[in-house]
Amino acid sequence: MGRFGIALAQQLVDQEKEVLAVDRHRSLVQKYADALTHTVEADATDIEALRQLGAAEFDSAVVGVGTSIESSVLIAANLVDLGVNQVWAKAINPTHGKILTRIGCHHVIYPEHDAGVRAAHLVSGQMMDFIKFDDDFAIVKMRPPKALQGKTIDESQPRKRHQVNVVGVKSPGKDFVYAQPDTMVSPGDTIVVSGDVSRLEYFADHA
């Protein structure tokens, strides 16, 4: 129930999901007892403890341990052995991630690394948000570069000229709209663009 785990758990509760949060530290369990659906003081490295808590009855489980690779791997292995349908685990480095994958974790995430990559794109350019996928493909939110301002999508031709796709446009005070050939882009708009990371970087800074 560290910062990552609590942030994730609280967001799931906000989405009206039932959440069982497990931690061996009583102070943390008591601190978040009113904020989450269920909080339990237990040692998740003990498979019998997880079995008694009914962990196998949940559709998904997230291992948010970030201080001990050994504990992280043991907990993840327990959840896999219990037959949880989707096991997500936080990894602190590639070696940790490789071990988690080999023991059967369905999803391995690197929140610190991903946050660093995202922040680098936001700090160094015109992007307002950045989501990168495994195959060097990304979706970004940004202010429209000058090449698009005051023009329709058909007039500016971002796909032909810059090899990126404008997915949608959000004008101040208006709803988000999916981009069409006749969609006009104004300087104060926010646009959502998809494409290869290097193309997006160039488009954001030089178009």
N, C-alpha and C. Protein backbone atom coordinates (compact mmCIF):
# COMPACT_ATOMS: atom_id res chain seq x y z
N MET A 1 0.83 -1.20 0.00
CA MET A 1 0.00 0.00 0.00
C MET A 1 0.87 1.26 0.00
N GLY A 2 1.84 1.26 -0.89
CA GLY A 2 2.67 2.44 -1.07
C GLY A 2 1.98 3.45 -1.96
N ARG A 3 2.72 4.44 -2.43
CA ARG A 3 2.12 5.50 -3.23
C ARG A 3 1.50 4.97 -4.52
N PHE A 4 2.21 4.07 -5.21
CA PHE A 4 1.68 3.50 -6.45
C PHE A 4 0.41 2.70 -6.18
N GLY A 5 0.48 1.79 -5.21
CA GLY A 5 -0.65 0.93 -4.92
C GLY A 5 -1.88 1.69 -4.45
N ILE A 6 -1.68 2.68 -3.60
CA ILE A 6 -2.82 3.45 -3.10
C ILE A 6 -3.43 4.30 -4.20
N ALA A 7 -2.62 4.93 -5.03
CA ALA A 7 -3.15 5.73 -6.13
C ALA A 7 -3.99 4.86 -7.06
N LEU A 8 -3.48 3.67 -7.36
CA LEU A 8 -4.20 2.74 -8.24
C LEU A 8 -5.49 2.28 -7.58
N ALA A 9 -5.41 1.90 -6.30
CA ALA A 9 -6.58 1.39 -5.59
C ALA A 9 -7.67 2.45 -5.48
N GLN A 10 -7.28 3.68 -5.17
CA GLN A 10 -8.27 4.75 -5.04
C GLN A 10 -8.94 5.06 -6.37
N GLN A 11 -8.17 4.98 -7.45
CA GLN A 11 -8.77 5.21 -8.76
C GLN A 11 -9.76 4.11 -9.11
N LEU A 12 -9.44 2.88 -8.77
CA LEU A 12 -10.36 1.77 -9.03
C LEU A 12 -11.64 1.92 -8.21
N VAL A 13 -11.50 2.37 -6.97
CA VAL A 13 -12.68 2.61 -6.14
C VAL A 13 -13.54 3.71 -6.76
N ASP A 14 -12.89 4.76 -7.29
CA ASP A 14 -13.61 5.84 -7.95
C ASP A 14 -14.37 5.32 -9.17
N GLN A 15 -13.85 4.24 -9.77
CA GLN A 15 -14.51 3.61 -10.92
C GLN A 15 -15.53 2.56 -10.48
N GLU A 16 -15.81 2.55 -9.18
CA GLU A 16 -16.81 1.66 -8.58
C GLU A 16 -16.43 0.19 -8.70
N LYS A 17 -15.13 -0.10 -8.58
CA LYS A 17 -14.64 -1.47 -8.55
C LYS A 17 -14.44 -1.90 -7.09
N GLU A 18 -14.66 -3.18 -6.83
CA GLU A 18 -14.39 -3.70 -5.50
C GLU A 18 -12.90 -3.96 -5.36
N VAL A 19 -12.29 -3.39 -4.34
CA VAL A 19 -10.84 -3.48 -4.16
C VAL A 19 -10.50 -4.09 -2.80
N LEU A 20 -9.64 -5.08 -2.82
CA LEU A 20 -9.08 -5.65 -1.60
C LEU A 20 -7.61 -5.27 -1.55
N ALA A 21 -7.23 -4.43 -0.60
CA ALA A 21 -5.84 -3.99 -0.47
C ALA A 21 -5.19 -4.74 0.70
N VAL A 22 -4.02 -5.33 0.42
CA VAL A 22 -3.33 -6.14 1.42
C VAL A 22 -1.95 -5.56 1.69
N ASP A 23 -1.62 -5.42 2.97
CA ASP A 23 -0.29 -4.95 3.35
C ASP A 23 0.04 -5.53 4.72
N ARG A 24 1.33 -5.74 4.95
CA ARG A 24 1.74 -6.30 6.24
C ARG A 24 1.89 -5.24 7.33
N HIS A 25 1.83 -3.97 6.93
CA HIS A 25 1.99 -2.89 7.89
C HIS A 25 0.63 -2.41 8.39
N ARG A 26 0.39 -2.58 9.67
CA ARG A 26 -0.91 -2.24 10.27
C ARG A 26 -1.24 -0.77 10.12
N SER A 27 -0.23 0.10 10.23
CA SER A 27 -0.48 1.54 10.16
C SER A 27 -1.07 1.94 8.82
N LEU A 28 -0.58 1.34 7.74
CA LEU A 28 -1.10 1.65 6.41
C LEU A 28 -2.51 1.10 6.22
N VAL A 29 -2.73 -0.10 6.73
CA VAL A 29 -4.05 -0.70 6.62
C VAL A 29 -5.09 0.15 7.33
N GLN A 30 -4.74 0.62 8.51
CA GLN A 30 -5.66 1.46 9.26
C GLN A 30 -5.85 2.83 8.61
N LYS A 31 -4.78 3.36 8.05
CA LYS A 31 -4.83 4.70 7.44
C LYS A 31 -5.82 4.75 6.28
N TYR A 32 -5.87 3.67 5.48
CA TYR A 32 -6.71 3.70 4.28
C TYR A 32 -7.97 2.85 4.40
N ALA A 33 -8.30 2.44 5.62
CA ALA A 33 -9.46 1.56 5.82
C ALA A 33 -10.76 2.20 5.33
N ASP A 34 -10.92 3.49 5.52
CA ASP A 34 -12.16 4.16 5.13
C ASP A 34 -12.18 4.56 3.65
N ALA A 35 -11.01 4.60 3.02
CA ALA A 35 -10.93 5.08 1.63
C ALA A 35 -11.13 3.96 0.62
N LEU A 36 -10.86 2.72 1.01
CA LEU A 36 -10.93 1.59 0.08
C LEU A 36 -12.04 0.62 0.48
N THR A 37 -12.40 -0.26 -0.44
CA THR A 37 -13.48 -1.20 -0.18
C THR A 37 -13.13 -2.14 0.97
N HIS A 38 -11.96 -2.77 0.89
CA HIS A 38 -11.49 -3.67 1.93
C HIS A 38 -9.98 -3.47 2.12
N THR A 39 -9.53 -3.39 3.35
CA THR A 39 -8.10 -3.38 3.64
C THR A 39 -7.81 -4.46 4.68
N VAL A 40 -6.74 -5.21 4.45
CA VAL A 40 -6.43 -6.34 5.32
C VAL A 40 -4.94 -6.34 5.65
N GLU A 41 -4.63 -6.54 6.92
CA GLU A 41 -3.25 -6.71 7.35
C GLU A 41 -2.87 -8.18 7.18
N ALA A 42 -1.98 -8.47 6.24
CA ALA A 42 -1.58 -9.85 5.99
C ALA A 42 -0.27 -9.86 5.21
N ASP A 43 0.38 -11.03 5.20
CA ASP A 43 1.62 -11.20 4.46
C ASP A 43 1.30 -11.88 3.13
N ALA A 44 1.32 -11.11 2.06
CA ALA A 44 0.93 -11.64 0.75
C ALA A 44 1.96 -12.61 0.17
N THR A 45 3.16 -12.69 0.79
CA THR A 45 4.13 -13.69 0.32
C THR A 45 3.73 -15.09 0.79
N ASP A 46 2.74 -15.18 1.66
CA ASP A 46 2.22 -16.45 2.16
C ASP A 46 0.99 -16.83 1.34
N ILE A 47 1.09 -17.86 0.53
CA ILE A 47 -0.02 -18.23 -0.36
C ILE A 47 -1.26 -18.63 0.42
N GLU A 48 -1.06 -19.22 1.60
CA GLU A 48 -2.22 -19.62 2.40
C GLU A 48 -2.99 -18.40 2.88
N ALA A 49 -2.28 -17.33 3.21
CA ALA A 49 -2.94 -16.10 3.63
C ALA A 49 -3.79 -15.54 2.49
N LEU A 50 -3.24 -15.55 1.28
CA LEU A 50 -3.99 -15.06 0.12
C LEU A 50 -5.18 -15.95 -0.17
N ARG A 51 -5.01 -17.25 -0.01
CA ARG A 51 -6.11 -18.18 -0.25
C ARG A 51 -7.26 -17.92 0.73
N GLN A 52 -6.92 -17.71 1.99
CA GLN A 52 -7.94 -17.45 3.00
C GLN A 52 -8.65 -16.12 2.78
N LEU A 53 -7.95 -15.17 2.18
CA LEU A 53 -8.55 -13.87 1.87
C LEU A 53 -9.45 -13.91 0.63
N GLY A 54 -9.42 -15.03 -0.09
CA GLY A 54 -10.23 -15.16 -1.30
C GLY A 54 -9.66 -14.45 -2.50
N ALA A 55 -8.33 -14.34 -2.55
CA ALA A 55 -7.68 -13.63 -3.66
C ALA A 55 -8.02 -14.25 -5.01
N ALA A 56 -8.19 -15.57 -5.04
CA ALA A 56 -8.47 -16.27 -6.30
C ALA A 56 -9.82 -15.89 -6.89
N GLU A 57 -10.70 -15.30 -6.08
CA GLU A 57 -12.03 -14.95 -6.55
C GLU A 57 -12.05 -13.61 -7.30
N PHE A 58 -10.95 -12.88 -7.24
CA PHE A 58 -10.88 -11.61 -7.94
C PHE A 58 -10.45 -11.81 -9.39
N ASP A 59 -10.96 -10.96 -10.28
CA ASP A 59 -10.63 -11.07 -11.70
C ASP A 59 -9.19 -10.64 -11.99
N SER A 60 -8.72 -9.64 -11.25
CA SER A 60 -7.38 -9.10 -11.48
C SER A 60 -6.69 -8.83 -10.15
N ALA A 61 -5.36 -8.90 -10.20
CA ALA A 61 -4.56 -8.59 -9.03
C ALA A 61 -3.37 -7.75 -9.47
N VAL A 62 -2.99 -6.80 -8.62
CA VAL A 62 -1.84 -5.94 -8.92
C VAL A 62 -0.83 -6.07 -7.79
N VAL A 63 0.41 -6.37 -8.15
CA VAL A 63 1.50 -6.44 -7.18
C VAL A 63 2.25 -5.11 -7.27
N GLY A 64 2.09 -4.29 -6.24
CA GLY A 64 2.69 -2.96 -6.27
C GLY A 64 3.93 -2.81 -5.42
N VAL A 65 4.52 -3.93 -5.00
CA VAL A 65 5.72 -3.89 -4.15
C VAL A 65 6.89 -3.30 -4.95
N GLY A 66 7.53 -2.28 -4.40
CA GLY A 66 8.62 -1.65 -5.12
C GLY A 66 9.94 -1.64 -4.36
N THR A 67 9.95 -2.17 -3.13
CA THR A 67 11.17 -2.12 -2.32
C THR A 67 11.90 -3.45 -2.25
N SER A 68 11.23 -4.54 -2.53
CA SER A 68 11.83 -5.87 -2.43
C SER A 68 11.47 -6.71 -3.63
N ILE A 69 12.47 -7.02 -4.46
CA ILE A 69 12.22 -7.86 -5.62
C ILE A 69 11.77 -9.25 -5.19
N GLU A 70 12.39 -9.76 -4.12
CA GLU A 70 12.03 -11.10 -3.64
C GLU A 70 10.56 -11.17 -3.24
N SER A 71 10.09 -10.18 -2.48
CA SER A 71 8.69 -10.16 -2.07
C SER A 71 7.76 -10.02 -3.27
N SER A 72 8.13 -9.15 -4.20
CA SER A 72 7.33 -8.94 -5.39
C SER A 72 7.15 -10.24 -6.17
N VAL A 73 8.26 -10.95 -6.37
CA VAL A 73 8.22 -12.20 -7.14
C VAL A 73 7.40 -13.26 -6.41
N LEU A 74 7.58 -13.37 -5.10
CA LEU A 74 6.83 -14.36 -4.32
C LEU A 74 5.32 -14.09 -4.37
N ILE A 75 4.95 -12.84 -4.21
CA ILE A 75 3.53 -12.49 -4.25
C ILE A 75 2.94 -12.77 -5.63
N ALA A 76 3.66 -12.35 -6.66
CA ALA A 76 3.19 -12.58 -8.03
C ALA A 76 3.04 -14.08 -8.30
N ALA A 77 4.03 -14.86 -7.88
CA ALA A 77 3.96 -16.31 -8.09
C ALA A 77 2.76 -16.91 -7.37
N ASN A 78 2.49 -16.44 -6.16
CA ASN A 78 1.34 -16.93 -5.41
C ASN A 78 0.03 -16.65 -6.15
N LEU A 79 -0.10 -15.46 -6.68
CA LEU A 79 -1.32 -15.08 -7.40
C LEU A 79 -1.49 -15.89 -8.67
N VAL A 80 -0.38 -16.14 -9.38
CA VAL A 80 -0.43 -16.97 -10.57
C VAL A 80 -0.84 -18.40 -10.19
N ASP A 81 -0.25 -18.93 -9.12
CA ASP A 81 -0.57 -20.29 -8.68
C ASP A 81 -2.02 -20.41 -8.22
N LEU A 82 -2.58 -19.32 -7.70
CA LEU A 82 -3.98 -19.35 -7.26
C LEU A 82 -4.95 -19.26 -8.43
N GLY A 83 -4.42 -18.98 -9.62
CA GLY A 83 -5.26 -18.94 -10.81
C GLY A 83 -5.97 -17.62 -11.07
N VAL A 84 -5.44 -16.52 -10.52
CA VAL A 84 -6.03 -15.21 -10.82
C VAL A 84 -5.93 -14.95 -12.32
N ASN A 85 -7.03 -14.52 -12.92
CA ASN A 85 -7.09 -14.39 -14.39
C ASN A 85 -6.07 -13.42 -14.96
N GLN A 86 -5.91 -12.27 -14.31
CA GLN A 86 -4.99 -11.26 -14.81
C GLN A 86 -4.12 -10.77 -13.66
N VAL A 87 -2.84 -11.04 -13.73
CA VAL A 87 -1.90 -10.59 -12.70
C VAL A 87 -1.02 -9.49 -13.29
N TRP A 88 -1.11 -8.32 -12.69
CA TRP A 88 -0.28 -7.18 -13.07
C TRP A 88 0.78 -7.01 -11.99
N ALA A 89 2.00 -6.69 -12.41
CA ALA A 89 3.06 -6.52 -11.42
C ALA A 89 3.96 -5.35 -11.80
N LYS A 90 4.31 -4.56 -10.79
CA LYS A 90 5.22 -3.44 -10.97
C LYS A 90 6.65 -3.94 -10.92
N ALA A 91 7.46 -3.56 -11.92
CA ALA A 91 8.88 -3.93 -11.95
C ALA A 91 9.73 -2.69 -11.77
N ILE A 92 10.85 -2.85 -11.05
CA ILE A 92 11.72 -1.70 -10.82
C ILE A 92 12.89 -1.65 -11.80
N ASN A 93 13.12 -2.75 -12.52
CA ASN A 93 14.17 -2.77 -13.55
C ASN A 93 13.89 -3.92 -14.51
N PRO A 94 14.58 -3.97 -15.67
CA PRO A 94 14.32 -5.01 -16.66
C PRO A 94 14.52 -6.43 -16.14
N THR A 95 15.52 -6.64 -15.28
CA THR A 95 15.76 -7.98 -14.74
C THR A 95 14.57 -8.44 -13.89
N HIS A 96 14.09 -7.55 -13.07
CA HIS A 96 12.90 -7.82 -12.26
C HIS A 96 11.72 -8.16 -13.17
N GLY A 97 11.55 -7.37 -14.21
CA GLY A 97 10.46 -7.60 -15.15
C GLY A 97 10.56 -8.94 -15.85
N LYS A 98 11.77 -9.33 -16.21
CA LYS A 98 11.97 -10.62 -16.88
C LYS A 98 11.57 -11.77 -15.98
N ILE A 99 11.93 -11.68 -14.70
CA ILE A 99 11.56 -12.73 -13.74
C ILE A 99 10.04 -12.81 -13.60
N LEU A 100 9.40 -11.65 -13.49
CA LEU A 100 7.95 -11.62 -13.35
C LEU A 100 7.26 -12.24 -14.56
N THR A 101 7.78 -11.97 -15.74
CA THR A 101 7.21 -12.55 -16.95
C THR A 101 7.38 -14.07 -16.97
N ARG A 102 8.55 -14.53 -16.56
CA ARG A 102 8.84 -15.96 -16.61
C ARG A 102 8.02 -16.77 -15.61
N ILE A 103 7.61 -16.15 -14.51
CA ILE A 103 6.80 -16.90 -13.54
C ILE A 103 5.31 -16.84 -13.89
N GLY A 104 4.98 -16.14 -14.97
CA GLY A 104 3.60 -16.19 -15.46
C GLY A 104 2.77 -14.94 -15.31
N CYS A 105 3.38 -13.81 -14.91
CA CYS A 105 2.62 -12.56 -14.84
C CYS A 105 2.09 -12.19 -16.22
N HIS A 106 0.85 -11.79 -16.27
CA HIS A 106 0.25 -11.44 -17.56
C HIS A 106 0.66 -10.05 -18.04
N HIS A 107 0.93 -9.16 -17.10
CA HIS A 107 1.29 -7.78 -17.46
C HIS A 107 2.37 -7.29 -16.50
N VAL A 108 3.46 -6.77 -17.05
CA VAL A 108 4.53 -6.18 -16.26
C VAL A 108 4.62 -4.70 -16.61
N ILE A 109 4.60 -3.85 -15.60
CA ILE A 109 4.61 -2.41 -15.84
C ILE A 109 5.82 -1.77 -15.15
N TYR A 110 6.30 -0.68 -15.75
CA TYR A 110 7.47 0.04 -15.25
C TYR A 110 7.06 1.49 -15.00
N PRO A 111 6.33 1.78 -13.94
CA PRO A 111 5.80 3.13 -13.75
C PRO A 111 6.84 4.23 -13.66
N GLU A 112 7.97 3.98 -12.98
CA GLU A 112 8.99 5.02 -12.86
C GLU A 112 9.62 5.32 -14.22
N HIS A 113 9.95 4.27 -14.96
CA HIS A 113 10.55 4.45 -16.29
C HIS A 113 9.57 5.15 -17.22
N ASP A 114 8.32 4.68 -17.24
CA ASP A 114 7.33 5.26 -18.14
C ASP A 114 7.05 6.72 -17.79
N ALA A 115 7.02 7.03 -16.49
CA ALA A 115 6.80 8.42 -16.08
C ALA A 115 7.96 9.30 -16.51
N GLY A 116 9.18 8.76 -16.45
CA GLY A 116 10.34 9.53 -16.88
C GLY A 116 10.33 9.83 -18.36
N VAL A 117 9.98 8.83 -19.16
CA VAL A 117 9.89 9.01 -20.62
C VAL A 117 8.82 10.04 -20.95
N ARG A 118 7.67 9.91 -20.31
CA ARG A 118 6.57 10.83 -20.56
C ARG A 118 6.97 12.25 -20.18
N ALA A 119 7.59 12.41 -19.02
CA ALA A 119 7.99 13.74 -18.56
C ALA A 119 9.00 14.38 -19.51
N ALA A 120 9.92 13.57 -20.05
CA ALA A 120 10.92 14.10 -20.97
C ALA A 120 10.28 14.70 -22.20
N HIS A 121 9.25 14.03 -22.72
CA HIS A 121 8.56 14.56 -23.90
C HIS A 121 7.78 15.83 -23.56
N LEU A 122 7.20 15.87 -22.38
CA LEU A 122 6.41 17.04 -22.01
C LEU A 122 7.29 18.25 -21.72
N VAL A 123 8.45 18.00 -21.11
CA VAL A 123 9.35 19.10 -20.73
C VAL A 123 10.05 19.69 -21.94
N SER A 124 10.42 18.83 -22.89
CA SER A 124 11.29 19.28 -23.98
C SER A 124 10.55 19.84 -25.19
N GLY A 125 9.22 19.67 -25.26
CA GLY A 125 8.53 20.11 -26.46
C GLY A 125 7.18 20.75 -26.19
N GLN A 126 6.30 20.66 -27.17
CA GLN A 126 4.99 21.31 -27.13
C GLN A 126 3.88 20.36 -26.69
N MET A 127 4.22 19.13 -26.34
CA MET A 127 3.20 18.15 -26.00
C MET A 127 2.64 18.40 -24.61
N MET A 128 1.33 18.13 -24.45
CA MET A 128 0.64 18.30 -23.18
C MET A 128 0.43 16.96 -22.48
N ASP A 129 0.41 15.89 -23.24
CA ASP A 129 0.32 14.54 -22.69
C ASP A 129 0.89 13.57 -23.72
N PHE A 130 1.38 12.42 -23.27
CA PHE A 130 2.12 11.51 -24.14
C PHE A 130 1.91 10.08 -23.65
N ILE A 131 1.44 9.22 -24.54
CA ILE A 131 1.27 7.79 -24.22
C ILE A 131 1.98 7.00 -25.30
N LYS A 132 2.99 6.23 -24.90
CA LYS A 132 3.78 5.45 -25.86
C LYS A 132 3.43 3.97 -25.74
N PHE A 133 3.35 3.31 -26.90
CA PHE A 133 3.09 1.88 -26.95
C PHE A 133 4.38 1.13 -27.26
N ASP A 134 4.35 -0.18 -27.20
CA ASP A 134 5.57 -0.99 -27.32
C ASP A 134 6.26 -0.89 -28.67
N ASP A 135 5.51 -0.64 -29.73
CA ASP A 135 6.08 -0.67 -31.07
C ASP A 135 6.51 0.71 -31.56
N ASP A 136 6.88 1.62 -30.65
CA ASP A 136 7.33 2.97 -30.98
C ASP A 136 6.21 3.82 -31.57
N PHE A 137 4.98 3.43 -31.28
CA PHE A 137 3.80 4.19 -31.68
C PHE A 137 3.30 4.95 -30.46
N ALA A 138 2.80 6.16 -30.67
CA ALA A 138 2.34 6.97 -29.53
C ALA A 138 1.12 7.78 -29.89
N ILE A 139 0.40 8.20 -28.86
CA ILE A 139 -0.71 9.13 -28.99
C ILE A 139 -0.39 10.32 -28.08
N VAL A 140 -0.52 11.53 -28.61
CA VAL A 140 -0.17 12.72 -27.83
C VAL A 140 -1.29 13.75 -27.87
N LYS A 141 -1.34 14.54 -26.82
CA LYS A 141 -2.22 15.71 -26.77
C LYS A 141 -1.33 16.93 -26.84
N MET A 142 -1.68 17.90 -27.68
CA MET A 142 -0.80 19.03 -27.88
C MET A 142 -1.56 20.22 -28.45
N ARG A 143 -0.92 21.38 -28.39
CA ARG A 143 -1.45 22.55 -29.09
C ARG A 143 -1.11 22.40 -30.57
N PRO A 144 -1.97 22.86 -31.46
CA PRO A 144 -1.69 22.67 -32.89
C PRO A 144 -0.49 23.49 -33.35
N PRO A 145 0.43 22.89 -34.08
CA PRO A 145 1.54 23.66 -34.64
C PRO A 145 1.03 24.63 -35.70
N LYS A 146 1.86 25.56 -36.08
CA LYS A 146 1.43 26.61 -37.02
C LYS A 146 0.94 26.05 -38.35
N ALA A 147 1.48 24.90 -38.76
CA ALA A 147 1.09 24.31 -40.05
C ALA A 147 -0.38 23.94 -40.10
N LEU A 148 -1.03 23.80 -38.93
CA LEU A 148 -2.45 23.41 -38.89
C LEU A 148 -3.37 24.57 -38.57
N GLN A 149 -2.85 25.60 -37.96
CA GLN A 149 -3.69 26.67 -37.45
C GLN A 149 -4.41 27.44 -38.56
N GLY A 150 -5.73 27.59 -38.38
CA GLY A 150 -6.54 28.32 -39.36
C GLY A 150 -6.85 27.53 -40.61
N LYS A 151 -6.61 26.22 -40.57
CA LYS A 151 -6.86 25.37 -41.74
C LYS A 151 -7.71 24.17 -41.35
N THR A 152 -8.35 23.58 -42.35
CA THR A 152 -9.03 22.31 -42.12
C THR A 152 -8.00 21.19 -42.20
N ILE A 153 -8.38 20.02 -41.73
CA ILE A 153 -7.48 18.87 -41.81
C ILE A 153 -7.14 18.58 -43.28
N ASP A 154 -8.12 18.72 -44.15
CA ASP A 154 -7.89 18.46 -45.58
C ASP A 154 -6.90 19.45 -46.17
N GLU A 155 -6.93 20.70 -45.69
CA GLU A 155 -6.02 21.72 -46.22
C GLU A 155 -4.60 21.52 -45.70
N SER A 156 -4.46 21.15 -44.43
CA SER A 156 -3.12 21.03 -43.85
C SER A 156 -2.45 19.69 -44.15
N GLN A 157 -3.25 18.66 -44.43
CA GLN A 157 -2.73 17.34 -44.83
C GLN A 157 -1.64 16.81 -43.89
N PRO A 158 -1.90 16.69 -42.58
CA PRO A 158 -0.86 16.22 -41.66
C PRO A 158 -0.37 14.81 -41.94
N ARG A 159 -1.26 13.95 -42.41
CA ARG A 159 -0.85 12.57 -42.69
C ARG A 159 0.09 12.51 -43.89
N LYS A 160 -0.21 13.26 -44.93
CA LYS A 160 0.60 13.25 -46.15
C LYS A 160 1.91 13.99 -45.94
N ARG A 161 1.87 15.13 -45.25
CA ARG A 161 3.05 15.98 -45.12
C ARG A 161 3.95 15.61 -43.93
N HIS A 162 3.36 15.05 -42.88
CA HIS A 162 4.14 14.79 -41.67
C HIS A 162 4.05 13.35 -41.18
N GLN A 163 3.26 12.51 -41.86
CA GLN A 163 3.10 11.09 -41.50
C GLN A 163 2.55 10.90 -40.08
N VAL A 164 1.64 11.79 -39.68
CA VAL A 164 0.93 11.65 -38.41
C VAL A 164 -0.57 11.82 -38.67
N ASN A 165 -1.39 11.30 -37.77
CA ASN A 165 -2.83 11.39 -37.91
C ASN A 165 -3.43 12.25 -36.80
N VAL A 166 -4.19 13.27 -37.18
CA VAL A 166 -4.93 14.04 -36.19
C VAL A 166 -6.22 13.28 -35.90
N VAL A 167 -6.34 12.78 -34.67
CA VAL A 167 -7.47 11.94 -34.28
C VAL A 167 -8.67 12.77 -33.87
N GLY A 168 -8.42 13.85 -33.13
CA GLY A 168 -9.53 14.66 -32.65
C GLY A 168 -9.12 16.07 -32.32
N VAL A 169 -10.12 16.92 -32.13
CA VAL A 169 -9.88 18.34 -31.85
C VAL A 169 -10.82 18.78 -30.72
N LYS A 170 -10.26 19.51 -29.76
CA LYS A 170 -11.05 20.07 -28.66
C LYS A 170 -10.88 21.58 -28.67
N SER A 171 -11.97 22.28 -28.99
CA SER A 171 -11.95 23.74 -28.97
C SER A 171 -12.44 24.23 -27.61
N PRO A 172 -11.93 25.37 -27.14
CA PRO A 172 -12.34 25.90 -25.83
C PRO A 172 -13.87 26.04 -25.73
N GLY A 173 -14.45 25.49 -24.67
CA GLY A 173 -15.89 25.60 -24.45
C GLY A 173 -16.73 24.67 -25.29
N LYS A 174 -16.10 23.81 -26.07
CA LYS A 174 -16.85 22.88 -26.93
C LYS A 174 -16.45 21.44 -26.62
N ASP A 175 -17.28 20.51 -27.07
CA ASP A 175 -16.99 19.09 -26.86
C ASP A 175 -15.88 18.62 -27.79
N PHE A 176 -15.20 17.57 -27.37
CA PHE A 176 -14.21 16.93 -28.23
C PHE A 176 -14.90 16.37 -29.47
N VAL A 177 -14.28 16.54 -30.64
CA VAL A 177 -14.83 15.98 -31.88
C VAL A 177 -13.75 15.16 -32.59
N TYR A 178 -14.16 14.08 -33.20
CA TYR A 178 -13.24 13.30 -34.01
C TYR A 178 -12.94 14.08 -35.30
N ALA A 179 -11.68 14.10 -35.67
CA ALA A 179 -11.25 14.91 -36.80
C ALA A 179 -11.81 14.35 -38.12
N GLN A 180 -12.38 15.25 -38.90
CA GLN A 180 -12.87 14.95 -40.25
C GLN A 180 -12.12 15.85 -41.23
N PRO A 181 -12.17 15.55 -42.52
CA PRO A 181 -11.45 16.39 -43.49
C PRO A 181 -11.81 17.87 -43.39
N ASP A 182 -13.07 18.17 -43.03
CA ASP A 182 -13.49 19.57 -42.98
C ASP A 182 -13.39 20.19 -41.58
N THR A 183 -12.77 19.48 -40.64
CA THR A 183 -12.61 20.01 -39.28
C THR A 183 -11.59 21.15 -39.28
N MET A 184 -12.01 22.30 -38.79
CA MET A 184 -11.12 23.46 -38.73
C MET A 184 -10.32 23.44 -37.43
N VAL A 185 -9.03 23.74 -37.52
CA VAL A 185 -8.16 23.78 -36.36
C VAL A 185 -7.75 25.22 -36.08
N SER A 186 -8.06 25.70 -34.88
CA SER A 186 -7.74 27.07 -34.50
C SER A 186 -6.55 27.10 -33.55
N PRO A 187 -5.86 28.24 -33.41
CA PRO A 187 -4.67 28.32 -32.55
C PRO A 187 -4.92 27.92 -31.10
N GLY A 188 -6.12 28.19 -30.57
CA GLY A 188 -6.40 27.89 -29.18
C GLY A 188 -6.90 26.49 -28.92
N ASP A 189 -6.98 25.68 -29.96
CA ASP A 189 -7.50 24.32 -29.82
C ASP A 189 -6.46 23.39 -29.18
N THR A 190 -6.95 22.25 -28.74
CA THR A 190 -6.10 21.14 -28.32
C THR A 190 -6.37 20.00 -29.28
N ILE A 191 -5.32 19.37 -29.79
CA ILE A 191 -5.50 18.28 -30.73
C ILE A 191 -4.89 16.99 -30.19
N VAL A 192 -5.45 15.88 -30.61
CA VAL A 192 -4.93 14.56 -30.28
C VAL A 192 -4.37 13.97 -31.57
N VAL A 193 -3.10 13.56 -31.50
CA VAL A 193 -2.39 13.10 -32.70
C VAL A 193 -1.76 11.74 -32.43
N SER A 194 -1.75 10.87 -33.43
CA SER A 194 -1.12 9.56 -33.30
C SER A 194 -0.09 9.36 -34.40
N GLY A 195 0.89 8.49 -34.10
CA GLY A 195 1.91 8.19 -35.11
C GLY A 195 3.19 7.68 -34.48
N ASP A 196 4.21 7.54 -35.31
CA ASP A 196 5.53 7.14 -34.85
C ASP A 196 6.10 8.22 -33.93
N VAL A 197 6.78 7.79 -32.87
CA VAL A 197 7.28 8.74 -31.88
C VAL A 197 8.16 9.82 -32.51
N SER A 198 9.10 9.43 -33.36
CA SER A 198 10.00 10.41 -33.96
C SER A 198 9.25 11.40 -34.85
N ARG A 199 8.23 10.91 -35.56
CA ARG A 199 7.42 11.80 -36.41
C ARG A 199 6.63 12.79 -35.56
N LEU A 200 6.10 12.29 -34.45
CA LEU A 200 5.33 13.15 -33.57
C LEU A 200 6.21 14.24 -32.95
N GLU A 201 7.43 13.87 -32.55
CA GLU A 201 8.34 14.83 -31.97
C GLU A 201 8.66 15.94 -32.96
N TYR A 202 8.94 15.55 -34.20
CA TYR A 202 9.25 16.55 -35.23
C TYR A 202 8.03 17.43 -35.51
N PHE A 203 6.86 16.79 -35.60
CA PHE A 203 5.61 17.50 -35.88
C PHE A 203 5.33 18.53 -34.79
N ALA A 204 5.53 18.16 -33.54
CA ALA A 204 5.24 19.06 -32.43
C ALA A 204 6.16 20.26 -32.39
N ASP A 205 7.42 20.07 -32.78
CA ASP A 205 8.42 21.13 -32.62
C ASP A 205 8.73 21.92 -33.88
N HIS A 206 8.40 21.34 -35.07
CA HIS A 206 8.85 21.99 -36.29
C HIS A 206 7.77 22.24 -37.33
N ALA A 207 6.59 21.62 -37.18
CA ALA A 207 5.57 21.78 -38.23
C ALA A 207 5.01 23.19 -38.24
